[in-house]
Amino acid sequence: MLKQSIALLTFCLISLPCFAQEDQVSLQFVAFPKTANAEPVELLVGSGETLLVELPTNSLSPIYKVNRLSQWALGKSSTGDENEFVFETYGKAPSHASANQLILVLRKGPNDSDGFDLIPLDNQQSAFGGGKYFFMNAAKVDIAVEMGDKKFALKPLQHKLVEPEPSKVEGERKYLYVYLHFRKGEEAVPFYSSTWRYSEKARGMIFFYHDTHTKQLRTHTIRDYIE
């Protein structure tokens, strides 16, 4: 009986690192729109524990490995009057089931303290790998997209992930024809057309937004190469 107990205890101790490793999640962040008033932002990673994270706009952040939580919360920590841990939440969202997640951070105002909307995405290559494009409509109008063989529409705050077929192939080079329209009343008004290089080793994130100064409809594109 004693030998069985020792064997069981030994098995549990050996197994602990494996379970801990399974609970690890890789996180990356990308924020939009860009702000001139960016402040250090913290990710809540446990009871009274935070991790400083970067929220870039033109690329994906470094990879952060943290323990899996049921939800992700970004904000700023401080110490209360009685030396207790205080966390001011700027934005939170349920965690994705994936072990590799990309969290899209949408700023609600010019300051991070104005708040965030968080959208966790599956960041595994099988879900969001090369040759795929993520579209986010952060504008105030409906957007119609034609990219390769894909055609779809996005209402404000809607997003979509697509994997288009190349429009043209010349030797080893592949291209995508891209046409964008916005809704004005009952009309679809063209505002962008271009030919993009297509690669199975790169993925794209495309944001639609209204420029705060000119009020014009703009696009913001991030191209991320897969190793």
C-alpha atoms as a PDB file:
ATOM      1  CA  MET A   1       0.000   0.000   0.000  1.00  0.00           C
ATOM      2  CA  LEU A   2       2.850   2.355   0.923  1.00  0.00           C
ATOM      3  CA  LYS A   3       4.669   1.559  -2.338  1.00  0.00           C
ATOM      4  CA  GLN A   4       1.485   2.318  -4.317  1.00  0.00           C
ATOM      5  CA  SER A   5       1.079   5.667  -2.541  1.00  0.00           C
ATOM      6  CA  ILE A   6       4.697   6.602  -3.212  1.00  0.00           C
ATOM      7  CA  ALA A   7       4.338   5.589  -6.859  1.00  0.00           C
ATOM      8  CA  LEU A   8       1.147   7.652  -7.191  1.00  0.00           C
ATOM      9  CA  LEU A   9       2.809  10.674  -5.556  1.00  0.00           C
ATOM     10  CA  THR A  10       5.833  10.330  -7.853  1.00  0.00           C
ATOM     11  CA  PHE A  11       3.570  10.171 -10.917  1.00  0.00           C
ATOM     12  CA  CYS A  12       1.706  13.320  -9.823  1.00  0.00           C
ATOM     13  CA  LEU A  13       4.933  15.230  -9.232  1.00  0.00           C
ATOM     14  CA  ILE A  14       6.276  14.214 -12.638  1.00  0.00           C
ATOM     15  CA  SER A  15       2.991  15.180 -14.277  1.00  0.00           C
ATOM     16  CA  LEU A  16       2.728  18.633 -12.717  1.00  0.00           C
ATOM     17  CA  PRO A  17       5.069  20.423 -15.184  1.00  0.00           C
ATOM     18  CA  CYS A  18       3.113  18.939 -18.080  1.00  0.00           C
ATOM     19  CA  PHE A  19      -0.198  20.266 -16.801  1.00  0.00           C
ATOM     20  CA  ALA A  20       1.385  23.647 -16.080  1.00  0.00           C
ATOM     21  CA  GLN A  21       2.745  23.764 -19.614  1.00  0.00           C
ATOM     22  CA  GLU A  22      -0.681  22.962 -21.067  1.00  0.00           C
ATOM     23  CA  ASP A  23      -2.128  25.910 -19.155  1.00  0.00           C
ATOM     24  CA  GLN A  24       0.265  28.350 -20.824  1.00  0.00           C
ATOM     25  CA  VAL A  25      -1.208  30.639 -23.493  1.00  0.00           C
ATOM     26  CA  SER A  26       0.689  32.724 -26.057  1.00  0.00           C
ATOM     27  CA  LEU A  27      -0.781  36.197 -26.477  1.00  0.00           C
ATOM     28  CA  GLN A  28      -0.125  38.954 -28.984  1.00  0.00           C
ATOM     29  CA  PHE A  29      -1.797  42.338 -29.266  1.00  0.00           C
ATOM     30  CA  VAL A  30      -2.563  44.861 -31.972  1.00  0.00           C
ATOM     31  CA  ALA A  31      -4.379  48.130 -31.257  1.00  0.00           C
ATOM     32  CA  PHE A  32      -6.366  50.550 -33.382  1.00  0.00           C
ATOM     33  CA  PRO A  33      -6.500  53.458 -33.907  1.00  0.00           C
ATOM     34  CA  LYS A  34      -3.083  54.857 -33.124  1.00  0.00           C
ATOM     35  CA  THR A  35      -2.945  57.377 -30.306  1.00  0.00           C
ATOM     36  CA  ALA A  36      -0.439  60.066 -29.380  1.00  0.00           C
ATOM     37  CA  ASN A  37      -1.368  59.661 -25.719  1.00  0.00           C
ATOM     38  CA  ALA A  38      -0.430  56.019 -25.229  1.00  0.00           C
ATOM     39  CA  GLU A  39       0.333  55.013 -21.646  1.00  0.00           C
ATOM     40  CA  PRO A  40       1.824  51.832 -20.175  1.00  0.00           C
ATOM     41  CA  VAL A  41      -0.930  49.221 -20.203  1.00  0.00           C
ATOM     42  CA  GLU A  42      -1.086  46.191 -17.962  1.00  0.00           C
ATOM     43  CA  LEU A  43      -2.574  42.755 -18.527  1.00  0.00           C
ATOM     44  CA  LEU A  44      -4.140  41.178 -15.465  1.00  0.00           C
ATOM     45  CA  VAL A  45      -2.495  37.748 -15.206  1.00  0.00           C
ATOM     46  CA  GLY A  46      -3.601  36.606 -11.750  1.00  0.00           C
ATOM     47  CA  SER A  47      -4.784  37.713  -8.346  1.00  0.00           C
ATOM     48  CA  GLY A  48      -2.894  40.953  -7.714  1.00  0.00           C
ATOM     49  CA  GLU A  49      -0.506  40.280 -10.616  1.00  0.00           C
ATOM     50  CA  THR A  50      -0.087  42.221 -13.844  1.00  0.00           C
ATOM     51  CA  LEU A  51       2.216  42.238 -16.857  1.00  0.00           C
ATOM     52  CA  LEU A  52       3.146  45.309 -18.895  1.00  0.00           C
ATOM     53  CA  VAL A  53       2.230  44.764 -22.552  1.00  0.00           C
ATOM     54  CA  GLU A  54       2.773  46.707 -25.764  1.00  0.00           C
ATOM     55  CA  LEU A  55      -0.172  47.720 -27.960  1.00  0.00           C
ATOM     56  CA  PRO A  56       1.353  48.524 -31.372  1.00  0.00           C
ATOM     57  CA  THR A  57      -0.691  49.722 -34.334  1.00  0.00           C
ATOM     58  CA  ASN A  58       1.578  49.000 -37.314  1.00  0.00           C
ATOM     59  CA  SER A  59       2.643  45.485 -36.318  1.00  0.00           C
ATOM     60  CA  LEU A  60       1.843  42.706 -33.888  1.00  0.00           C
ATOM     61  CA  SER A  61       3.213  42.911 -30.356  1.00  0.00           C
ATOM     62  CA  PRO A  62       5.857  40.594 -28.920  1.00  0.00           C
ATOM     63  CA  ILE A  63       4.575  37.209 -27.758  1.00  0.00           C
ATOM     64  CA  TYR A  64       3.596  37.024 -24.085  1.00  0.00           C
ATOM     65  CA  LYS A  65       3.312  33.606 -22.435  1.00  0.00           C
ATOM     66  CA  VAL A  66       0.902  33.650 -19.503  1.00  0.00           C
ATOM     67  CA  ASN A  67      -1.292  31.254 -17.577  1.00  0.00           C
ATOM     68  CA  ARG A  68      -4.692  30.674 -19.144  1.00  0.00           C
ATOM     69  CA  LEU A  69      -7.515  32.744 -17.648  1.00  0.00           C
ATOM     70  CA  SER A  70     -11.245  32.681 -18.353  1.00  0.00           C
ATOM     71  CA  GLN A  71     -11.077  36.321 -19.449  1.00  0.00           C
ATOM     72  CA  TRP A  72      -8.449  38.885 -20.410  1.00  0.00           C
ATOM     73  CA  ALA A  73      -8.455  42.342 -18.855  1.00  0.00           C
ATOM     74  CA  LEU A  74      -6.297  45.349 -19.747  1.00  0.00           C
ATOM     75  CA  GLY A  75      -5.931  48.373 -17.521  1.00  0.00           C
ATOM     76  CA  LYS A  76      -3.725  49.951 -14.889  1.00  0.00           C
ATOM     77  CA  SER A  77      -2.896  48.836 -11.368  1.00  0.00           C
ATOM     78  CA  SER A  78      -2.371  50.939  -8.283  1.00  0.00           C
ATOM     79  CA  THR A  79      -2.253  50.661  -4.506  1.00  0.00           C
ATOM     80  CA  GLY A  80      -5.297  51.669  -2.446  1.00  0.00           C
ATOM     81  CA  ASP A  81      -5.438  53.640   0.787  1.00  0.00           C
ATOM     82  CA  GLU A  82      -4.954  50.450   2.801  1.00  0.00           C
ATOM     83  CA  ASN A  83      -2.132  49.141   0.584  1.00  0.00           C
ATOM     84  CA  GLU A  84      -4.525  46.827  -1.247  1.00  0.00           C
ATOM     85  CA  PHE A  85      -4.168  45.966  -4.924  1.00  0.00           C
ATOM     86  CA  VAL A  86      -6.465  48.041  -7.155  1.00  0.00           C
ATOM     87  CA  PHE A  87      -6.942  47.401 -10.872  1.00  0.00           C
ATOM     88  CA  GLU A  88      -8.716  49.913 -13.116  1.00  0.00           C
ATOM     89  CA  THR A  89     -10.090  47.962 -16.071  1.00  0.00           C
ATOM     90  CA  TYR A  90      -9.920  49.659 -19.465  1.00  0.00           C
ATOM     91  CA  GLY A  91     -11.384  46.683 -21.307  1.00  0.00           C
ATOM     92  CA  LYS A  92     -12.033  42.960 -20.909  1.00  0.00           C
ATOM     93  CA  ALA A  93     -13.307  40.007 -22.928  1.00  0.00           C
ATOM     94  CA  PRO A  94     -13.707  36.233 -22.538  1.00  0.00           C
ATOM     95  CA  SER A  95     -10.577  34.275 -23.410  1.00  0.00           C
ATOM     96  CA  HIS A  96     -10.500  32.293 -26.641  1.00  0.00           C
ATOM     97  CA  ALA A  97     -10.114  28.514 -26.367  1.00  0.00           C
ATOM     98  CA  SER A  98      -6.949  28.593 -28.489  1.00  0.00           C
ATOM     99  CA  ALA A  99      -3.493  28.266 -26.911  1.00  0.00           C
ATOM    100  CA  ASN A 100      -2.265  30.953 -29.327  1.00  0.00           C
ATOM    101  CA  GLN A 101      -4.369  34.107 -29.281  1.00  0.00           C
ATOM    102  CA  LEU A 102      -4.270  37.504 -30.950  1.00  0.00           C
ATOM    103  CA  ILE A 103      -6.178  40.203 -29.093  1.00  0.00           C
ATOM    104  CA  LEU A 104      -7.473  43.067 -31.178  1.00  0.00           C
ATOM    105  CA  VAL A 105      -7.713  46.210 -29.016  1.00  0.00           C
ATOM    106  CA  LEU A 106     -10.086  48.917 -30.252  1.00  0.00           C
ATOM    107  CA  ARG A 107      -9.590  52.251 -28.523  1.00  0.00           C
ATOM    108  CA  LYS A 108     -12.763  54.131 -27.586  1.00  0.00           C
ATOM    109  CA  GLY A 109     -11.043  57.521 -27.372  1.00  0.00           C
ATOM    110  CA  PRO A 110      -7.716  59.352 -27.656  1.00  0.00           C
ATOM    111  CA  ASN A 111      -6.601  58.134 -24.213  1.00  0.00           C
ATOM    112  CA  ASP A 112      -6.246  54.520 -23.155  1.00  0.00           C
ATOM    113  CA  SER A 113      -8.224  55.357 -20.014  1.00  0.00           C
ATOM    114  CA  ASP A 114     -11.216  56.116 -22.291  1.00  0.00           C
ATOM    115  CA  GLY A 115     -11.585  52.358 -22.593  1.00  0.00           C
ATOM    116  CA  PHE A 116     -11.040  49.428 -24.967  1.00  0.00           C
ATOM    117  CA  ASP A 117     -13.112  46.881 -26.800  1.00  0.00           C
ATOM    118  CA  LEU A 118     -11.197  43.590 -26.867  1.00  0.00           C
ATOM    119  CA  ILE A 119     -11.662  40.945 -29.566  1.00  0.00           C
ATOM    120  CA  PRO A 120      -9.639  37.740 -28.896  1.00  0.00           C
ATOM    121  CA  LEU A 121      -8.902  35.743 -32.061  1.00  0.00           C
ATOM    122  CA  ASP A 122      -7.480  32.293 -32.738  1.00  0.00           C
ATOM    123  CA  ASN A 123      -3.896  33.070 -33.762  1.00  0.00           C
ATOM    124  CA  GLN A 124      -2.806  29.555 -34.749  1.00  0.00           C
ATOM    125  CA  GLN A 125      -1.569  29.198 -38.321  1.00  0.00           C
ATOM    126  CA  SER A 126      -4.348  26.704 -39.053  1.00  0.00           C
ATOM    127  CA  ALA A 127      -6.884  29.416 -38.172  1.00  0.00           C
ATOM    128  CA  PHE A 128      -5.162  32.664 -39.178  1.00  0.00           C
ATOM    129  CA  GLY A 129      -2.168  31.699 -41.259  1.00  0.00           C
ATOM    130  CA  GLY A 130      -0.547  32.814 -44.473  1.00  0.00           C
ATOM    131  CA  GLY A 131      -2.807  33.765 -47.361  1.00  0.00           C
ATOM    132  CA  LYS A 132      -5.594  34.882 -45.004  1.00  0.00           C
ATOM    133  CA  TYR A 133      -6.933  38.401 -44.430  1.00  0.00           C
ATOM    134  CA  PHE A 134      -8.743  39.831 -41.416  1.00  0.00           C
ATOM    135  CA  PHE A 135     -11.034  42.808 -42.052  1.00  0.00           C
ATOM    136  CA  MET A 136     -12.327  45.110 -39.304  1.00  0.00           C
ATOM    137  CA  ASN A 137     -14.826  47.886 -39.991  1.00  0.00           C
ATOM    138  CA  ALA A 138     -14.078  50.626 -37.458  1.00  0.00           C
ATOM    139  CA  ALA A 139     -15.772  53.224 -39.691  1.00  0.00           C
ATOM    140  CA  LYS A 140     -19.281  54.643 -39.383  1.00  0.00           C
ATOM    141  CA  VAL A 141     -20.603  53.302 -42.697  1.00  0.00           C
ATOM    142  CA  ASP A 142     -21.188  49.903 -44.300  1.00  0.00           C
ATOM    143  CA  ILE A 143     -18.229  48.632 -46.324  1.00  0.00           C
ATOM    144  CA  ALA A 144     -18.369  46.247 -49.300  1.00  0.00           C
ATOM    145  CA  VAL A 145     -15.218  44.256 -50.098  1.00  0.00           C
ATOM    146  CA  GLU A 146     -14.247  42.381 -53.243  1.00  0.00           C
ATOM    147  CA  MET A 147     -10.913  40.570 -52.936  1.00  0.00           C
ATOM    148  CA  GLY A 148     -10.025  37.835 -55.380  1.00  0.00           C
ATOM    149  CA  ASP A 149     -12.959  35.443 -55.401  1.00  0.00           C
ATOM    150  CA  LYS A 150     -14.405  36.769 -52.107  1.00  0.00           C
ATOM    151  CA  LYS A 151     -17.229  39.314 -51.883  1.00  0.00           C
ATOM    152  CA  PHE A 152     -18.784  40.425 -48.596  1.00  0.00           C
ATOM    153  CA  ALA A 153     -20.101  43.426 -46.666  1.00  0.00           C
ATOM    154  CA  LEU A 154     -19.291  44.680 -43.179  1.00  0.00           C
ATOM    155  CA  LYS A 155     -21.454  46.866 -40.992  1.00  0.00           C
ATOM    156  CA  PRO A 156     -19.733  49.150 -38.443  1.00  0.00           C
ATOM    157  CA  LEU A 157     -17.828  47.141 -35.787  1.00  0.00           C
ATOM    158  CA  GLN A 158     -18.166  43.911 -37.762  1.00  0.00           C
ATOM    159  CA  HIS A 159     -15.130  41.828 -38.722  1.00  0.00           C
ATOM    160  CA  LYS A 160     -14.429  38.917 -41.036  1.00  0.00           C
ATOM    161  CA  LEU A 161     -11.588  36.523 -41.836  1.00  0.00           C
ATOM    162  CA  VAL A 162     -11.256  35.362 -45.469  1.00  0.00           C
ATOM    163  CA  GLU A 163      -8.888  33.216 -47.513  1.00  0.00           C
ATOM    164  CA  PRO A 164      -9.162  34.425 -51.120  1.00  0.00           C
ATOM    165  CA  GLU A 165      -7.887  32.762 -54.253  1.00  0.00           C
ATOM    166  CA  PRO A 166      -5.339  34.813 -56.234  1.00  0.00           C
ATOM    167  CA  SER A 167      -6.819  36.912 -59.023  1.00  0.00           C
ATOM    168  CA  LYS A 168      -3.771  36.534 -61.271  1.00  0.00           C
ATOM    169  CA  VAL A 169      -0.682  34.319 -61.400  1.00  0.00           C
ATOM    170  CA  GLU A 170       2.451  35.255 -63.328  1.00  0.00           C
ATOM    171  CA  GLY A 171       5.134  32.609 -62.891  1.00  0.00           C
ATOM    172  CA  GLU A 172       5.804  32.401 -59.157  1.00  0.00           C
ATOM    173  CA  ARG A 173       4.113  35.742 -58.446  1.00  0.00           C
ATOM    174  CA  LYS A 174       0.495  35.905 -57.384  1.00  0.00           C
ATOM    175  CA  TYR A 175      -1.783  38.937 -57.165  1.00  0.00           C
ATOM    176  CA  LEU A 176      -5.114  39.951 -55.661  1.00  0.00           C
ATOM    177  CA  TYR A 177      -7.464  42.510 -57.159  1.00  0.00           C
ATOM    178  CA  VAL A 178      -9.028  44.531 -54.346  1.00  0.00           C
ATOM    179  CA  TYR A 179     -12.100  46.778 -54.698  1.00  0.00           C
ATOM    180  CA  LEU A 180     -13.732  48.636 -51.810  1.00  0.00           C
ATOM    181  CA  HIS A 181     -17.052  50.502 -51.648  1.00  0.00           C
ATOM    182  CA  PHE A 182     -18.949  52.289 -48.896  1.00  0.00           C
ATOM    183  CA  ARG A 183     -22.678  52.772 -48.564  1.00  0.00           C
ATOM    184  CA  LYS A 184     -24.068  56.266 -49.086  1.00  0.00           C
ATOM    185  CA  GLY A 185     -27.829  56.084 -48.783  1.00  0.00           C
ATOM    186  CA  GLU A 186     -28.826  53.326 -51.199  1.00  0.00           C
ATOM    187  CA  GLU A 187     -25.691  53.663 -53.338  1.00  0.00           C
ATOM    188  CA  ALA A 188     -22.383  51.787 -53.210  1.00  0.00           C
ATOM    189  CA  VAL A 189     -19.658  54.374 -53.723  1.00  0.00           C
ATOM    190  CA  PRO A 190     -16.160  53.150 -54.766  1.00  0.00           C
ATOM    191  CA  PHE A 191     -13.316  54.584 -52.692  1.00  0.00           C
ATOM    192  CA  TYR A 192     -10.385  52.198 -53.194  1.00  0.00           C
ATOM    193  CA  SER A 193      -9.018  49.808 -55.817  1.00  0.00           C
ATOM    194  CA  SER A 194      -5.601  48.212 -56.012  1.00  0.00           C
ATOM    195  CA  THR A 195      -3.616  45.113 -56.894  1.00  0.00           C
ATOM    196  CA  TRP A 196      -1.913  43.442 -53.938  1.00  0.00           C
ATOM    197  CA  ARG A 197       0.881  40.881 -53.922  1.00  0.00           C
ATOM    198  CA  TYR A 198      -0.365  37.562 -52.595  1.00  0.00           C
ATOM    199  CA  SER A 199       1.796  35.197 -50.556  1.00  0.00           C
ATOM    200  CA  GLU A 200       1.055  32.026 -48.609  1.00  0.00           C
ATOM    201  CA  LYS A 201       3.757  33.193 -46.180  1.00  0.00           C
ATOM    202  CA  ALA A 202       2.018  36.453 -45.236  1.00  0.00           C
ATOM    203  CA  ARG A 203      -1.298  37.342 -43.646  1.00  0.00           C
ATOM    204  CA  GLY A 204      -3.011  40.707 -43.538  1.00  0.00           C
ATOM    205  CA  MET A 205      -5.135  42.814 -41.199  1.00  0.00           C
ATOM    206  CA  ILE A 206      -7.166  45.617 -42.785  1.00  0.00           C
ATOM    207  CA  PHE A 207      -8.973  48.293 -40.800  1.00  0.00           C
ATOM    208  CA  PHE A 208     -11.518  50.784 -42.149  1.00  0.00           C
ATOM    209  CA  TYR A 209     -11.930  54.056 -40.235  1.00  0.00           C
ATOM    210  CA  HIS A 210     -12.785  57.724 -40.518  1.00  0.00           C
ATOM    211  CA  ASP A 211      -9.843  60.089 -40.077  1.00  0.00           C
ATOM    212  CA  THR A 212     -10.527  62.189 -36.981  1.00  0.00           C
ATOM    213  CA  HIS A 213      -9.131  65.337 -38.625  1.00  0.00           C
ATOM    214  CA  THR A 214     -10.343  65.140 -42.232  1.00  0.00           C
ATOM    215  CA  LYS A 215     -13.391  62.890 -41.568  1.00  0.00           C
ATOM    216  CA  GLN A 216     -12.420  60.970 -44.717  1.00  0.00           C
ATOM    217  CA  LEU A 217     -12.736  57.209 -44.967  1.00  0.00           C
ATOM    218  CA  ARG A 218      -9.325  55.527 -44.722  1.00  0.00           C
ATOM    219  CA  THR A 219      -7.771  52.065 -44.683  1.00  0.00           C
ATOM    220  CA  HIS A 220      -4.970  50.835 -42.439  1.00  0.00           C
ATOM    221  CA  THR A 221      -3.152  47.631 -43.383  1.00  0.00           C
ATOM    222  CA  ILE A 222      -0.801  45.407 -41.398  1.00  0.00           C
ATOM    223  CA  ARG A 223       1.162  42.723 -43.250  1.00  0.00           C
ATOM    224  CA  ASP A 224       2.542  39.991 -41.012  1.00  0.00           C
ATOM    225  CA  TYR A 225       4.951  37.334 -42.341  1.00  0.00           C
ATOM    226  CA  ILE A 226       4.640  33.791 -41.032  1.00  0.00           C
ATOM    227  CA  GLU A 227       7.850  31.932 -40.199  1.00  0.00           C
END
